[in-house]
């Protein structure tokens, strides 16, 4: 998408061309075999299909030759080379630059803030409409309409793929760009669809993008804070599931499986970000993650510090989700009754009512308070909200432990 959009300057044309290229691959590769460079093959086919569309459009006005010359100054420029298009692990290079440029385009100030994030998640990161709706806690039809309006706005406003012209322009877009990378990681860290709890390829993609942003903006503490957050969180990946793919809670994880090098890198980045003296939400999220990573075991976790950090985070993200997370930290620090008071206060929020994790958290606190029947009812409510397969299995095991079917 990024490569073809750079060539065409037209998001809609690029999206259609990439879809046609993927369809061609599905039809041709099983019969003809996998090409030596599958990604280069897809880019090349998509570029040619996009060029066909642009030629037809240009022909209508008698300007085909000029349009082709503008798109392809030389015959070689239409060729895809493996070296120039390969994603590099460091998050830098032509392919990563294209991808970041496409994210910055989708985060154009002309688009509404939520539309910027949703469009980028769909067009750049490949998340489905259902996955994006899950990230925003809205119904899928609502998100589908939002995406359609955003695409139309890009088309009607003539928004082109380009890097922001200056630091001020970049600053306007940065919050949405950071949100995009964070949500991509969130979907990978705890997939909203499918049987697997973790989608490692999305976690890796988000970390790659965060590294690219950090290289682009090395003195921006929130960018560094986001990268630190992703590293500190992803370091726990190997310990988050059991042998059968089942969910393992943080308190029950084997911390020897955590990636020590990734934890050290995340802590180093967080320290550097905090020294800038410009705190922000991603630095606070990273500090919360660091509270877990620096604790030798679950019992030694400083839950009071975590609760205080969530209290500070609410200043930047005054959302019911942050308040619900603070409730869990308060419950760990001061007891389940204190946490349940906060959780019930935010539980009436229309978005949280559709969030299975809220009801799972309530059930856990109710069980700890010796109210098993109420806990079982909360677990059943969570099951009715169609959680993922891993979460469903976890809830079912918790119900069985309470003596309920």
Protein backbone atom coordinates (compact mmCIF):
# COMPACT_ATOMS: atom_id res chain seq x y z
CA UNK A 1 0.00 0.00 0.00
CA UNK A 2 2.72 2.46 0.97
CA UNK A 3 4.84 1.82 -2.12
CA UNK A 4 1.92 2.03 -4.56
CA UNK A 5 0.44 5.10 -2.87
CA UNK A 6 3.82 6.84 -3.16
CA UNK A 7 3.77 6.14 -6.90
CA UNK A 8 0.17 7.17 -7.53
CA UNK A 9 -0.45 9.77 -4.85
CA UNK A 10 -3.99 8.39 -4.72
CA UNK A 11 -4.98 6.26 -1.72
CA UNK A 12 -8.14 4.84 -3.29
CA UNK A 13 -6.38 3.81 -6.51
CA UNK A 14 -3.55 2.23 -4.52
CA UNK A 15 -5.94 0.30 -2.28
CA UNK A 16 -7.87 -1.12 -5.23
CA UNK A 17 -4.65 -2.00 -7.06
CA UNK A 18 -3.20 -3.82 -4.06
CA UNK A 19 -6.42 -5.80 -3.63
CA UNK A 20 -6.30 -6.81 -7.30
CA UNK A 21 -2.65 -7.84 -6.94
CA UNK A 22 -3.48 -10.00 -3.92
CA UNK A 23 -6.34 -11.61 -5.84
CA UNK A 24 -3.99 -12.32 -8.74
CA UNK A 25 -1.55 -13.94 -6.32
CA UNK A 26 -4.26 -16.16 -4.84
CA UNK A 27 -5.20 -17.32 -8.34
CA UNK A 28 -1.70 -17.68 -9.85
CA UNK A 29 0.68 -18.77 -7.12
CA UNK A 30 -0.91 -22.17 -6.38
CA UNK A 31 -0.61 -23.11 -10.06
CA UNK A 32 2.67 -21.38 -11.00
CA UNK A 33 4.55 -21.60 -7.71
CA UNK A 34 5.72 -18.95 -5.26
CA UNK A 35 7.84 -16.21 -6.91
CA UNK A 36 11.38 -15.66 -5.68
CA UNK A 37 10.38 -12.28 -4.21
CA UNK A 38 6.67 -12.47 -3.28
CA UNK A 39 6.54 -8.97 -1.86
CA UNK A 40 8.26 -7.48 -4.89
CA UNK A 41 5.88 -9.43 -7.15
CA UNK A 42 2.85 -7.98 -5.35
CA UNK A 43 4.22 -4.44 -5.51
CA UNK A 44 5.06 -4.76 -9.20
CA UNK A 45 1.64 -6.12 -10.16
CA UNK A 46 -0.14 -3.55 -8.01
CA UNK A 47 1.86 -0.71 -9.57
CA UNK A 48 1.02 -1.85 -13.08
CA UNK A 49 -2.67 -2.16 -12.24
CA UNK A 50 -2.63 1.30 -10.68
CA UNK A 51 -0.87 2.67 -13.76
CA UNK A 52 -3.56 1.15 -16.00
CA UNK A 53 -6.20 3.01 -14.02
CA UNK A 54 -4.30 6.28 -14.19
CA UNK A 55 -3.71 5.84 -17.92
CA UNK A 56 -7.43 5.40 -18.50
CA UNK A 57 -8.17 8.49 -16.44
CA UNK A 58 -5.44 10.49 -18.21
CA UNK A 59 -6.63 9.36 -21.63
CA UNK A 60 -9.99 10.97 -20.99
CA UNK A 61 -8.34 14.36 -20.96
CA UNK A 62 -5.79 13.62 -23.64
CA UNK A 63 -2.92 13.76 -21.16
CA UNK A 64 -1.85 10.15 -20.95
CA UNK A 65 1.71 10.69 -22.15
CA UNK A 66 2.38 13.49 -19.69
CA UNK A 67 0.86 11.50 -16.84
CA UNK A 68 2.99 8.45 -17.60
CA UNK A 69 6.14 10.58 -17.83
CA UNK A 70 5.33 12.13 -14.46
CA UNK A 71 4.75 8.75 -12.82
CA UNK A 72 7.66 6.95 -14.51
CA UNK A 73 10.50 9.33 -15.44
CA UNK A 74 12.46 6.32 -16.70
CA UNK A 75 11.61 2.71 -17.48
CA UNK A 76 13.72 1.52 -14.57
CA UNK A 77 11.66 3.41 -12.01
CA UNK A 78 8.75 0.99 -12.44
CA UNK A 79 10.88 -1.99 -11.50
CA UNK A 80 10.74 -3.44 -8.01
CA UNK A 81 14.07 -4.40 -6.54
CA UNK A 82 14.29 -6.63 -3.52
CA UNK A 83 16.97 -4.47 -1.94
CA UNK A 84 15.06 -1.19 -2.21
CA UNK A 85 11.71 -2.58 -1.03
CA UNK A 86 12.79 -4.90 1.80
CA UNK A 87 11.71 -4.06 5.31
CA UNK A 88 14.75 -3.70 7.49
CA UNK A 89 14.72 -4.86 11.08
CA UNK A 90 15.87 -1.47 12.32
CA UNK A 91 12.70 0.19 11.02
CA UNK A 92 14.62 2.36 8.57
CA UNK A 93 15.12 2.22 4.80
CA UNK A 94 12.93 2.97 1.76
CA UNK A 95 10.12 0.58 2.65
CA UNK A 96 9.85 1.81 6.23
CA UNK A 97 10.02 5.43 5.01
CA UNK A 98 7.12 4.77 2.64
CA UNK A 99 5.10 3.18 5.40
CA UNK A 100 5.68 6.05 7.81
CA UNK A 101 4.85 8.56 5.07
CA UNK A 102 1.57 6.74 4.40
CA UNK A 103 0.71 6.80 8.10
CA UNK A 104 1.44 10.53 8.21
CA UNK A 105 -0.79 11.05 5.17
CA UNK A 106 -3.69 9.14 6.75
CA UNK A 107 -3.21 11.24 9.90
CA UNK A 108 -3.78 14.47 7.94
CA UNK A 109 -5.32 17.31 10.04
CA UNK A 110 -8.21 17.57 7.56
CA UNK A 111 -9.54 14.27 8.91
CA UNK A 112 -11.30 13.93 12.25
CA UNK A 113 -8.96 12.51 14.92
CA UNK A 114 -10.72 9.14 15.23
CA UNK A 115 -11.01 8.88 11.45
CA UNK A 116 -7.25 9.38 11.08
CA UNK A 117 -6.50 6.46 13.35
CA UNK A 118 -9.14 4.17 11.90
CA UNK A 119 -8.13 4.84 8.29
CA UNK A 120 -4.47 4.20 9.03
CA UNK A 121 -5.21 0.96 10.85
CA UNK A 122 -7.22 -0.22 7.84
CA UNK A 123 -5.12 0.99 4.91
CA UNK A 124 -1.59 0.86 6.30
CA UNK A 125 -1.68 -1.86 8.90
CA UNK A 126 -4.22 -4.20 7.33
CA UNK A 127 -6.54 -4.58 10.31
CA UNK A 128 -10.08 -5.63 9.43
CA UNK A 129 -13.05 -3.37 10.06
CA UNK A 130 -14.14 -5.72 12.85
CA UNK A 131 -10.73 -5.53 14.53
CA UNK A 132 -10.71 -1.73 14.35
CA UNK A 133 -14.26 -1.59 15.74
CA UNK A 134 -13.07 -3.76 18.62
CA UNK A 135 -10.16 -1.41 19.32
CA UNK A 136 -12.57 1.56 19.48
CA UNK A 137 -15.30 -0.41 21.33
CA UNK A 138 -17.92 0.50 18.72
CA UNK A 139 -20.18 -1.69 16.53
CA UNK A 140 -18.69 -2.86 13.23
CA UNK A 141 -21.29 -1.03 11.04
CA UNK A 142 -20.43 2.23 12.80
CA UNK A 143 -16.75 1.75 12.04
CA UNK A 144 -17.49 0.81 8.40
CA UNK A 145 -19.32 4.13 7.90
CA UNK A 146 -16.49 6.02 9.59
CA UNK A 147 -13.93 4.46 7.24
CA UNK A 148 -16.03 5.25 4.17
CA UNK A 149 -16.32 8.90 5.20
CA UNK A 150 -12.57 9.11 5.79
CA UNK A 151 -11.75 7.66 2.34
CA UNK A 152 -14.16 10.10 0.71
CA UNK A 153 -12.55 12.98 2.58
CA UNK A 154 -9.08 11.97 1.36
CA UNK A 155 -10.39 11.84 -2.21
CA UNK A 156 -12.43 15.04 -2.10
CA UNK A 157 -9.74 17.07 -0.31
CA UNK A 158 -7.04 15.87 -2.69
CA UNK A 159 -4.79 14.77 0.17
CA UNK A 160 -1.49 13.47 -1.24
CA UNK A 161 1.19 11.17 0.14
CA UNK A 162 4.04 13.30 1.41
CA UNK A 163 6.08 13.96 4.49
CA UNK A 164 4.90 16.91 6.63
CA UNK A 165 6.57 20.13 5.51
CA UNK A 166 7.85 21.14 8.94
CA UNK A 167 7.97 20.39 12.65
CA UNK A 168 4.72 22.25 13.26
CA UNK A 169 2.88 20.17 10.65
CA UNK A 170 4.37 17.00 12.10
CA UNK A 171 3.38 17.97 15.64
CA UNK A 172 -0.26 18.28 14.55
CA UNK A 173 -0.20 14.70 13.31
CA UNK A 174 2.03 13.10 15.91
CA UNK A 175 -0.65 12.21 18.48
CA UNK A 176 -2.65 10.29 15.87
CA UNK A 177 0.47 8.57 14.53
CA UNK A 178 1.46 7.41 18.01
CA UNK A 179 -2.09 6.21 18.63
CA UNK A 180 -2.00 4.18 15.42
CA UNK A 181 1.23 2.41 16.35
CA UNK A 182 -0.07 1.76 19.87
CA UNK A 183 -3.34 0.26 18.62
CA UNK A 184 -1.53 -1.95 16.11
CA UNK A 185 0.54 -3.32 18.97
CA UNK A 186 -2.53 -3.71 21.17
CA UNK A 187 -4.27 -5.80 18.52
CA UNK A 188 -1.18 -7.97 18.24
CA UNK A 189 -0.64 -8.24 22.00
CA UNK A 190 -4.23 -9.39 22.59
CA UNK A 191 -5.94 -10.25 19.32
CA UNK A 192 -9.64 -9.33 19.15
CA UNK A 193 -10.42 -12.11 16.67
CA UNK A 194 -9.20 -15.62 15.90
CA UNK A 195 -8.12 -18.53 18.06
CA UNK A 196 -4.68 -17.24 19.03
CA UNK A 197 -4.24 -14.81 21.90
CA UNK A 198 -1.19 -13.13 20.33
CA UNK A 199 -0.56 -11.97 16.75
CA UNK A 200 3.20 -11.72 16.80
CA UNK A 201 3.48 -10.20 13.32
CA UNK A 202 1.46 -7.16 14.45
CA UNK A 203 3.57 -6.74 17.58
CA UNK A 204 6.71 -6.87 15.45
CA UNK A 205 5.26 -4.40 12.93
CA UNK A 206 4.33 -1.92 15.66
CA UNK A 207 7.80 -2.11 17.21
CA UNK A 208 9.37 -1.60 13.78
CA UNK A 209 7.22 1.48 13.18
CA UNK A 210 8.01 2.84 16.64
CA UNK A 211 11.73 2.44 15.95
CA UNK A 212 11.27 4.29 12.65
CA UNK A 213 9.48 7.15 14.42
CA UNK A 214 12.18 7.24 17.07
CA UNK A 215 14.83 7.57 14.35
CA UNK A 216 12.79 10.37 12.74
CA UNK A 217 12.14 12.19 16.04
CA UNK A 218 14.95 11.23 18.44
CA UNK A 219 14.31 14.18 20.77
CA UNK A 220 10.55 13.62 21.18
CA UNK A 221 10.07 11.94 24.61
CA UNK A 222 6.59 10.60 23.82
CA UNK A 223 7.94 8.75 20.79
CA UNK A 224 10.71 7.27 22.94
CA UNK A 225 8.16 6.49 25.64
CA UNK A 226 5.97 4.59 23.18
CA UNK A 227 8.91 2.50 21.98
CA UNK A 228 9.84 1.77 25.60
CA UNK A 229 6.26 0.73 26.35
CA UNK A 230 6.11 -1.69 23.42
CA UNK A 231 9.44 -3.29 24.32
CA UNK A 232 8.61 -3.67 28.01
CA UNK A 233 5.24 -5.21 27.19
CA UNK A 234 6.35 -7.46 24.35
CA UNK A 235 9.20 -8.79 26.48
CA UNK A 236 6.56 -10.91 28.25
CA UNK A 237 5.28 -12.53 25.04
CA UNK A 238 6.76 -16.01 25.59
CA UNK A 239 5.28 -16.27 29.09
CA UNK A 240 1.74 -15.09 28.29
CA UNK A 241 0.43 -18.41 26.98
CA UNK A 242 0.71 -21.98 28.20
CA UNK A 243 1.63 -25.12 26.24
CA UNK A 244 -1.83 -25.29 24.67
CA UNK A 245 -2.05 -21.57 23.88
CA UNK A 246 -4.13 -20.86 26.98
CA UNK A 247 -4.00 -17.44 28.65
CA UNK A 248 -1.55 -17.11 31.56
CA UNK A 249 -2.21 -14.12 33.82
CA UNK A 250 0.63 -11.76 34.66
CA UNK A 251 0.73 -12.94 38.26
CA UNK A 252 1.16 -16.55 37.14
CA UNK A 253 3.77 -16.00 34.43
CA UNK A 254 7.22 -17.59 34.56
CA UNK A 255 9.35 -14.45 34.62
CA UNK A 256 12.43 -16.36 33.55
CA UNK A 257 10.79 -16.50 30.11
CA UNK A 258 10.69 -12.73 29.83
CA UNK A 259 13.15 -11.26 27.34
CA UNK A 260 15.73 -9.67 29.65
CA UNK A 261 17.49 -7.78 26.85
CA UNK A 262 14.21 -6.27 25.65
CA UNK A 263 13.32 -5.27 29.21
CA UNK A 264 16.71 -3.59 29.68
CA UNK A 265 16.33 -1.73 26.38
CA UNK A 266 12.84 -0.55 27.34
CA UNK A 267 13.95 0.65 30.76
CA UNK A 268 16.90 2.51 29.24
CA UNK A 269 14.64 4.27 26.73
CA UNK A 270 12.12 5.17 29.42
CA UNK A 271 14.81 6.69 31.62
CA UNK A 272 16.02 8.82 28.72
CA UNK A 273 12.48 9.96 27.89
CA UNK A 274 11.71 10.96 31.49
CA UNK A 275 14.90 13.02 31.70
CA UNK A 276 13.45 15.39 29.08
CA UNK A 277 10.97 16.62 31.70
CA UNK A 278 8.03 16.57 29.29
CA UNK A 279 5.76 13.78 30.59
CA UNK A 280 2.96 12.33 28.51
CA UNK A 281 0.62 9.34 28.37
CA UNK A 282 2.99 6.91 26.65
CA UNK A 283 5.75 7.61 29.15
CA UNK A 284 3.23 6.92 31.93
CA UNK A 285 2.08 3.69 30.27
CA UNK A 286 5.74 2.68 29.97
CA UNK A 287 6.36 3.52 33.64
CA UNK A 288 3.48 1.24 34.61
CA UNK A 289 4.96 -1.54 32.48
CA UNK A 290 8.34 -0.93 34.11
CA UNK A 291 6.81 -1.40 37.56
CA UNK A 292 6.05 -4.97 36.51
CA UNK A 293 9.34 -5.61 34.73
CA UNK A 294 11.47 -4.44 37.67
CA UNK A 295 9.61 -6.56 40.22
CA UNK A 296 11.28 -9.92 40.92
CA UNK A 297 7.91 -11.62 41.38
CA UNK A 298 4.19 -10.86 41.40
CA UNK A 299 4.04 -10.48 45.17
CA UNK A 300 6.67 -7.74 45.10
CA UNK A 301 4.83 -5.56 42.56
CA UNK A 302 4.39 -1.96 43.75
CA UNK A 303 0.66 -1.68 43.15
CA UNK A 304 0.40 1.62 45.00
CA UNK A 305 2.85 3.15 42.56
CA UNK A 306 0.90 1.67 39.65
CA UNK A 307 -2.37 3.07 41.01
CA UNK A 308 -0.73 6.50 41.38
CA UNK A 309 0.55 6.33 37.79
CA UNK A 310 -2.92 5.49 36.52
CA UNK A 311 -4.25 8.44 38.51
CA UNK A 312 -1.76 10.67 36.69
CA UNK A 313 -2.57 9.04 33.34
CA UNK A 314 -6.23 10.04 33.69
CA UNK A 315 -5.13 13.66 33.31
CA UNK A 316 -3.97 12.84 29.78
CA UNK A 317 -6.48 10.10 28.92
CA UNK A 318 -9.70 10.78 30.86
CA UNK A 319 -11.35 7.58 29.67
CA UNK A 320 -13.40 4.90 31.37
CA UNK A 321 -10.87 2.27 30.29
CA UNK A 322 -8.02 4.00 32.16
CA UNK A 323 -10.25 4.38 35.22
CA UNK A 324 -11.13 0.68 35.05
CA UNK A 325 -7.44 -0.22 34.97
CA UNK A 326 -6.84 2.08 37.94
CA UNK A 327 -9.57 0.20 39.78
CA UNK A 328 -7.67 -3.07 39.38
CA UNK A 329 -4.47 -1.48 40.69
CA UNK A 330 -6.36 0.00 43.66
CA UNK A 331 -7.86 -3.42 44.36
CA UNK A 332 -4.39 -4.96 44.46
CA UNK A 333 -3.06 -2.19 46.69
CA UNK A 334 -6.00 -1.58 49.04
CA UNK A 335 -8.19 -4.64 48.72
CA UNK A 336 -10.95 -5.87 46.36
CA UNK A 337 -13.71 -3.81 47.97
CA UNK A 338 -11.93 -0.53 47.19
CA UNK A 339 -11.35 -1.56 43.59
CA UNK A 340 -14.94 -2.76 43.11
CA UNK A 341 -16.31 0.65 44.14
CA UNK A 342 -14.34 2.32 41.33
CA UNK A 343 -15.11 -0.43 38.83
CA UNK A 344 -18.85 -0.26 39.46
CA UNK A 345 -18.76 3.54 39.15
CA UNK A 346 -17.39 3.34 35.59
CA UNK A 347 -19.25 0.15 34.64
CA UNK A 348 -22.27 2.07 33.38
CA UNK A 349 -20.26 3.67 30.58
CA UNK A 350 -21.86 2.53 27.27
CA UNK A 351 -18.55 1.43 25.78
CA UNK A 352 -17.41 -0.51 28.84
CA UNK A 353 -20.66 -2.44 29.02
CA UNK A 354 -19.55 -4.15 25.78
CA UNK A 355 -16.03 -4.82 27.10
CA UNK A 356 -15.68 -8.42 28.35
CA UNK A 357 -12.58 -7.57 30.38
CA UNK A 358 -14.62 -5.26 32.62
CA UNK A 359 -16.91 -8.09 33.66
CA UNK A 360 -14.00 -10.50 34.09
CA UNK A 361 -12.34 -7.97 36.40
CA UNK A 362 -15.59 -7.55 38.39
CA UNK A 363 -15.94 -11.31 38.67
CA UNK A 364 -12.42 -11.64 40.05
CA UNK A 365 -13.02 -8.98 42.69
CA UNK A 366 -16.39 -10.46 43.65
CA UNK A 367 -14.82 -13.90 44.03
CA UNK A 368 -12.09 -12.45 46.26
CA UNK A 369 -14.82 -10.85 48.38
CA UNK A 370 -16.48 -14.23 48.91
CA UNK A 371 -19.46 -13.60 46.61
CA UNK A 372 -19.20 -16.56 44.20
CA UNK A 373 -22.70 -16.40 42.75
CA UNK A 374 -22.29 -12.75 41.76
CA UNK A 375 -18.85 -13.55 40.38
CA UNK A 376 -20.29 -16.36 38.25
CA UNK A 377 -22.97 -14.01 36.92
CA UNK A 378 -20.29 -11.49 35.91
CA UNK A 379 -18.29 -14.23 34.16
CA UNK A 380 -21.42 -15.30 32.25
CA UNK A 381 -22.02 -11.70 31.18
CA UNK A 382 -18.48 -11.62 29.81
CA UNK A 383 -19.15 -14.82 27.86
CA UNK A 384 -22.27 -13.28 26.32
CA UNK A 385 -20.12 -10.46 24.87
CA UNK A 386 -18.32 -12.93 22.57
CA UNK A 387 -14.74 -12.75 23.87
CA UNK A 388 -11.86 -14.31 21.97
CA UNK A 389 -11.32 -18.07 22.11
CA UNK A 390 -8.45 -17.77 24.60
CA UNK A 391 -10.49 -15.50 26.87
CA UNK A 392 -13.54 -17.77 26.59
CA UNK A 393 -11.45 -20.75 27.67
CA UNK A 394 -10.06 -18.75 30.60
CA UNK A 395 -13.54 -17.63 31.74
CA UNK A 396 -14.88 -21.16 31.46
CA UNK A 397 -12.06 -22.43 33.68
CA UNK A 398 -12.80 -19.70 36.22
CA UNK A 399 -16.49 -20.62 36.26
CA UNK A 400 -15.57 -24.26 36.82
CA UNK A 401 -13.35 -23.23 39.74
CA UNK A 402 -16.38 -21.48 41.27
CA UNK A 403 -18.42 -24.67 40.89
CA UNK A 404 -20.58 -23.30 38.05
CA UNK A 405 -21.10 -24.82 34.62
